[in-house]
Amino acid sequence: MESVYSSPTSDIQETETKELTFKTLGFWRKLYLVLNWLTVILAGVGVVFSVLLGGDQAGINLTSLVSIGVVLVLFVAYTYWLHVAVSRRQKGALTALTIIQIIPFMNPISALIMYAIRSTSVKELG
């Protein structure tokens, strides 16, 4: 069975102190972070273009713009938190992010991905 599945690897430098950066992550964790950032960027660009080029300009008011801005800032903050937690292999933050995927977001697939990332990070820290 071990020939079918092997645990994810990383490129942590085996020196006196482990270098915990984005550069030393394995391919799948890097891909996960890049896809998260691309999603946030595309959502932001989509919202900006829909507001600027929207056909119904009368429906846009200050309250809706502030609401959209707050949501975009929260998306960026969440993605930044995710990036830092995965890159630095912060076990507590990864646990919190896994729970957040289940309780408010109701996203079990993403929770499983976060759990796998957390497990790999715990093995690396070891």
C-alpha atoms as a PDB file:
ATOM      1  CA  MET A   1       0.000   0.000   0.000  1.00  0.00           C
ATOM      2  CA  GLU A   2       2.899   2.365   0.604  1.00  0.00           C
ATOM      3  CA  SER A   3       3.790   2.253  -3.077  1.00  0.00           C
ATOM      4  CA  VAL A   4       0.329   3.605  -3.955  1.00  0.00           C
ATOM      5  CA  TYR A   5       0.271   6.477  -1.483  1.00  0.00           C
ATOM      6  CA  SER A   6       3.173   8.394  -0.090  1.00  0.00           C
ATOM      7  CA  SER A   7       2.864  11.284   2.316  1.00  0.00           C
ATOM      8  CA  PRO A   8       3.462  14.784   0.957  1.00  0.00           C
ATOM      9  CA  THR A   9       6.980  16.084   1.097  1.00  0.00           C
ATOM     10  CA  SER A  10       8.480  19.499   1.585  1.00  0.00           C
ATOM     11  CA  ASP A  11      11.808  21.119   0.950  1.00  0.00           C
ATOM     12  CA  ILE A  12      12.630  22.135   4.533  1.00  0.00           C
ATOM     13  CA  GLN A  13      16.328  22.692   4.895  1.00  0.00           C
ATOM     14  CA  GLU A  14      17.853  20.250   7.366  1.00  0.00           C
ATOM     15  CA  THR A  15      20.019  22.698   9.246  1.00  0.00           C
ATOM     16  CA  GLU A  16      20.182  23.731  12.876  1.00  0.00           C
ATOM     17  CA  THR A  17      16.909  25.625  12.515  1.00  0.00           C
ATOM     18  CA  LYS A  18      14.217  24.679  10.072  1.00  0.00           C
ATOM     19  CA  GLU A  19      13.440  27.301   7.459  1.00  0.00           C
ATOM     20  CA  LEU A  20       9.651  27.659   7.485  1.00  0.00           C
ATOM     21  CA  THR A  21       8.732  29.737   4.447  1.00  0.00           C
ATOM     22  CA  PHE A  22       6.542  29.559   1.372  1.00  0.00           C
ATOM     23  CA  LYS A  23       9.577  28.450  -0.604  1.00  0.00           C
ATOM     24  CA  THR A  24       9.960  25.272   1.472  1.00  0.00           C
ATOM     25  CA  LEU A  25       6.346  24.152   1.079  1.00  0.00           C
ATOM     26  CA  GLY A  26       5.519  21.181  -1.089  1.00  0.00           C
ATOM     27  CA  PHE A  27       3.847  21.586  -4.481  1.00  0.00           C
ATOM     28  CA  TRP A  28       0.258  20.941  -3.336  1.00  0.00           C
ATOM     29  CA  ARG A  29       0.341  23.417  -0.465  1.00  0.00           C
ATOM     30  CA  LYS A  30       1.861  26.062  -2.734  1.00  0.00           C
ATOM     31  CA  LEU A  31      -0.852  25.375  -5.307  1.00  0.00           C
ATOM     32  CA  TYR A  32      -3.556  25.646  -2.622  1.00  0.00           C
ATOM     33  CA  LEU A  33      -2.266  29.040  -1.470  1.00  0.00           C
ATOM     34  CA  VAL A  34      -1.880  30.357  -5.019  1.00  0.00           C
ATOM     35  CA  LEU A  35      -5.446  29.284  -5.867  1.00  0.00           C
ATOM     36  CA  ASN A  36      -6.746  31.034  -2.755  1.00  0.00           C
ATOM     37  CA  TRP A  37      -4.992  34.274  -3.711  1.00  0.00           C
ATOM     38  CA  LEU A  38      -6.211  34.024  -7.321  1.00  0.00           C
ATOM     39  CA  THR A  39      -9.778  33.525  -6.110  1.00  0.00           C
ATOM     40  CA  VAL A  40      -9.604  36.635  -3.936  1.00  0.00           C
ATOM     41  CA  ILE A  41      -8.055  38.694  -6.735  1.00  0.00           C
ATOM     42  CA  LEU A  42     -10.621  37.525  -9.291  1.00  0.00           C
ATOM     43  CA  ALA A  43     -13.492  38.189  -6.870  1.00  0.00           C
ATOM     44  CA  GLY A  44     -12.162  41.688  -6.201  1.00  0.00           C
ATOM     45  CA  VAL A  45     -11.684  42.477  -9.881  1.00  0.00           C
ATOM     46  CA  GLY A  46     -15.132  41.072 -10.678  1.00  0.00           C
ATOM     47  CA  VAL A  47     -16.803  43.198  -8.014  1.00  0.00           C
ATOM     48  CA  VAL A  48     -14.963  46.347  -9.085  1.00  0.00           C
ATOM     49  CA  PHE A  49     -15.868  45.828 -12.739  1.00  0.00           C
ATOM     50  CA  SER A  50     -19.488  45.020 -11.924  1.00  0.00           C
ATOM     51  CA  VAL A  51     -19.763  48.210  -9.869  1.00  0.00           C
ATOM     52  CA  LEU A  52     -17.970  50.401 -12.411  1.00  0.00           C
ATOM     53  CA  LEU A  53     -19.520  48.925 -15.546  1.00  0.00           C
ATOM     54  CA  GLY A  54     -22.884  47.956 -14.084  1.00  0.00           C
ATOM     55  CA  GLY A  55     -25.875  48.893 -16.167  1.00  0.00           C
ATOM     56  CA  ASP A  56     -27.979  50.015 -13.206  1.00  0.00           C
ATOM     57  CA  GLN A  57     -26.013  52.909 -11.756  1.00  0.00           C
ATOM     58  CA  ALA A  58     -28.974  54.061  -9.669  1.00  0.00           C
ATOM     59  CA  GLY A  59     -28.728  50.966  -7.467  1.00  0.00           C
ATOM     60  CA  ILE A  60     -25.190  51.801  -6.334  1.00  0.00           C
ATOM     61  CA  ASN A  61     -25.018  53.864  -3.188  1.00  0.00           C
ATOM     62  CA  LEU A  62     -22.456  54.530  -0.479  1.00  0.00           C
ATOM     63  CA  THR A  63     -23.815  51.793   1.788  1.00  0.00           C
ATOM     64  CA  SER A  64     -23.448  49.108  -0.850  1.00  0.00           C
ATOM     65  CA  LEU A  65     -19.924  50.275  -1.729  1.00  0.00           C
ATOM     66  CA  VAL A  66     -18.882  50.201   1.933  1.00  0.00           C
ATOM     67  CA  SER A  67     -20.407  46.729   2.347  1.00  0.00           C
ATOM     68  CA  ILE A  68     -18.554  45.431  -0.703  1.00  0.00           C
ATOM     69  CA  GLY A  69     -15.332  47.016   0.548  1.00  0.00           C
ATOM     70  CA  VAL A  70     -15.681  45.421   3.980  1.00  0.00           C
ATOM     71  CA  VAL A  71     -16.320  41.988   2.458  1.00  0.00           C
ATOM     72  CA  LEU A  72     -13.285  42.308   0.174  1.00  0.00           C
ATOM     73  CA  VAL A  73     -11.089  43.390   3.095  1.00  0.00           C
ATOM     74  CA  LEU A  74     -12.300  40.374   5.105  1.00  0.00           C
ATOM     75  CA  PHE A  75     -11.522  38.049   2.171  1.00  0.00           C
ATOM     76  CA  VAL A  76      -8.006  39.476   1.858  1.00  0.00           C
ATOM     77  CA  ALA A  77      -7.447  39.263   5.635  1.00  0.00           C
ATOM     78  CA  TYR A  78      -8.631  35.633   5.735  1.00  0.00           C
ATOM     79  CA  THR A  79      -6.414  34.669   2.804  1.00  0.00           C
ATOM     80  CA  TYR A  80      -3.429  36.423   4.366  1.00  0.00           C
ATOM     81  CA  TRP A  81      -4.047  34.569   7.653  1.00  0.00           C
ATOM     82  CA  LEU A  82      -4.277  31.300   5.736  1.00  0.00           C
ATOM     83  CA  HIS A  83      -1.056  32.065   3.848  1.00  0.00           C
ATOM     84  CA  VAL A  84       0.904  32.895   7.009  1.00  0.00           C
ATOM     85  CA  ALA A  85      -0.442  29.868   8.917  1.00  0.00           C
ATOM     86  CA  VAL A  86       0.412  27.419   6.138  1.00  0.00           C
ATOM     87  CA  SER A  87       3.790  28.956   5.309  1.00  0.00           C
ATOM     88  CA  ARG A  88       4.960  29.103   8.926  1.00  0.00           C
ATOM     89  CA  ARG A  89       3.288  25.791   9.828  1.00  0.00           C
ATOM     90  CA  GLN A  90       1.392  27.302  12.785  1.00  0.00           C
ATOM     91  CA  LYS A  91      -0.422  24.356  14.310  1.00  0.00           C
ATOM     92  CA  GLY A  92      -2.908  26.411  16.343  1.00  0.00           C
ATOM     93  CA  ALA A  93      -3.862  28.643  13.426  1.00  0.00           C
ATOM     94  CA  LEU A  94      -4.235  25.657  11.105  1.00  0.00           C
ATOM     95  CA  THR A  95      -6.537  23.998  13.653  1.00  0.00           C
ATOM     96  CA  ALA A  96      -8.615  27.173  13.896  1.00  0.00           C
ATOM     97  CA  LEU A  97      -8.812  27.463  10.106  1.00  0.00           C
ATOM     98  CA  THR A  98      -9.961  23.848   9.862  1.00  0.00           C
ATOM     99  CA  ILE A  99     -12.739  24.495  12.378  1.00  0.00           C
ATOM    100  CA  ILE A 100     -13.724  27.717  10.586  1.00  0.00           C
ATOM    101  CA  GLN A 101     -14.142  25.741   7.369  1.00  0.00           C
ATOM    102  CA  ILE A 102     -16.674  23.488   9.117  1.00  0.00           C
ATOM    103  CA  ILE A 103     -18.706  25.763  11.396  1.00  0.00           C
ATOM    104  CA  PRO A 104     -19.392  29.073   9.634  1.00  0.00           C
ATOM    105  CA  PHE A 105     -18.377  28.168   6.078  1.00  0.00           C
ATOM    106  CA  MET A 106     -19.945  24.667   6.019  1.00  0.00           C
ATOM    107  CA  ASN A 107     -17.290  23.513   3.582  1.00  0.00           C
ATOM    108  CA  PRO A 108     -16.259  19.942   4.444  1.00  0.00           C
ATOM    109  CA  ILE A 109     -13.993  19.472   1.418  1.00  0.00           C
ATOM    110  CA  SER A 110     -11.938  22.536   2.290  1.00  0.00           C
ATOM    111  CA  ALA A 111     -11.893  21.378   5.920  1.00  0.00           C
ATOM    112  CA  LEU A 112     -10.401  18.053   4.808  1.00  0.00           C
ATOM    113  CA  ILE A 113      -7.785  19.895   2.763  1.00  0.00           C
ATOM    114  CA  MET A 114      -6.935  22.079   5.771  1.00  0.00           C
ATOM    115  CA  TYR A 115      -6.719  18.990   7.981  1.00  0.00           C
ATOM    116  CA  ALA A 116      -4.306  17.365   5.511  1.00  0.00           C
ATOM    117  CA  ILE A 117      -2.197  20.525   5.432  1.00  0.00           C
ATOM    118  CA  ARG A 118      -2.181  20.618   9.232  1.00  0.00           C
ATOM    119  CA  SER A 119      -1.192  16.943   9.461  1.00  0.00           C
ATOM    120  CA  THR A 120       1.668  17.410   7.019  1.00  0.00           C
ATOM    121  CA  SER A 121       2.867  20.488   8.897  1.00  0.00           C
ATOM    122  CA  VAL A 122       2.786  18.665  12.235  1.00  0.00           C
ATOM    123  CA  LYS A 123       4.853  15.823  10.729  1.00  0.00           C
ATOM    124  CA  GLU A 124       7.376  18.337   9.417  1.00  0.00           C
ATOM    125  CA  LEU A 125       7.711  20.046  12.777  1.00  0.00           C
ATOM    126  CA  GLY A 126       8.005  16.753  14.345  1.00  0.00           C
END
